[in-house]
Amino acid sequence: MRRALLCMALATFFFSSMEVALNGMVGHVSAAQVNCTRFGIGGLFLLPLAIREMRRRAQVLSASMVLQLFLLGFLGMVVSMSMYQLSVESIPANVVAVLFCTNTVFVLLFAAIILRTPISRLEIASVVVAMLGIGILVDPLHTNLPLQGLILGLAAPLFFALYAIFGSRIAVQIGGISLTCLTFLTGCLLTLLLIGLGNCEIGSRLLERMGLHFLCGVDLVGGYTLETVWRMLYVSVGVSGLGFACYFLSQEFGSPLLASLAFYLKPIFAPIFCWLILGEKIVFTTKIGIVFLLVGSAMALFARIADGRKKA
């Protein structure tokens, strides 16, 4: 149990400190460059664990599975994480961190709609409370934050929740580590292809017309300084590699419920890290919004505990 708690604590630390590291690369390294690099390195870091998991399951990837992995890599890594990185560039990191944690609530919602999973009253209440928290956090009537940044900050967890819902089906077959590793790598490959398209004249015009200017003229090796290099290594090896490895090891040594605490604790620690390291002020409405989101997340967590006891 100690190993499980240690792994969960390390996963919480890595996930909660991600926005701080990403914020320091804004203006130096492009969003597409960050995603391509961090998921490529993170996927390679997780590859030995994924191979071990698939061998243990005696699982062989079919053509259908490979196609699903590419679609999931596009949905989770290309779409969701691009929106996430772009939101970090335009609104405070502590706001992005808290907003992204709402993916756990969106998962509940989409599981009921898409997978027809029964949803309890407590889970419905958690969604309502979380939505109120988002409204207070965003404070649309008084906010000075860019609307585009807020939309991207909300869209990122929404698409990530869809990635989690659709990914749950194939994760049952190949395992969570394998799913994460392979979608990291497919997402990296798809991002590379889009960057290549954006570096040719015809492709650049096409992407510009689609509003995907961040994929145009990307230099994968440009913008690096001593500071941005260590930050990139941190989000690649630390967050995407060690963070997810610790998350899945806490599942292995403990339980999925224990591992999920990393996402429920992030809304507490991420704003604190942003305050201590980046000097970002946590305004009153943000504090109230965080409280609502924490209450909503706690309700969702208690609902999961109650559901687990019923099944037991």
Foldseek 3Di string as FASTA:
>chain_A
DVLLLVLLVLLLVLLLCLLVLLLVLQPQAFQLLLLLLQLQLQLVLLVVVLVVLCVVLVDDDDPVNLVLLLVLLCLQRVQLSSLLSVLSNFDPSLLLQLLLLCLLLLLLVCCCVPVVDDDDPLSVVLNVLLVVLLCLQCVVVDDPGDPSSSVSSNVNSNSNSVSVNSLVVCCVRRNDSNSLSSSSNSNSVVSVVLLVLQDDDVSVVVCVVVVNNSSHPHDNPGRDDPSSVVSSCCSRCPNSHSSVVSLVVSCVVPNNLSSCVSSLCSSVSNVVSCCVPVVDDQDPSNVVSSVSNSVSVVSVSVVVVVVVVVVD
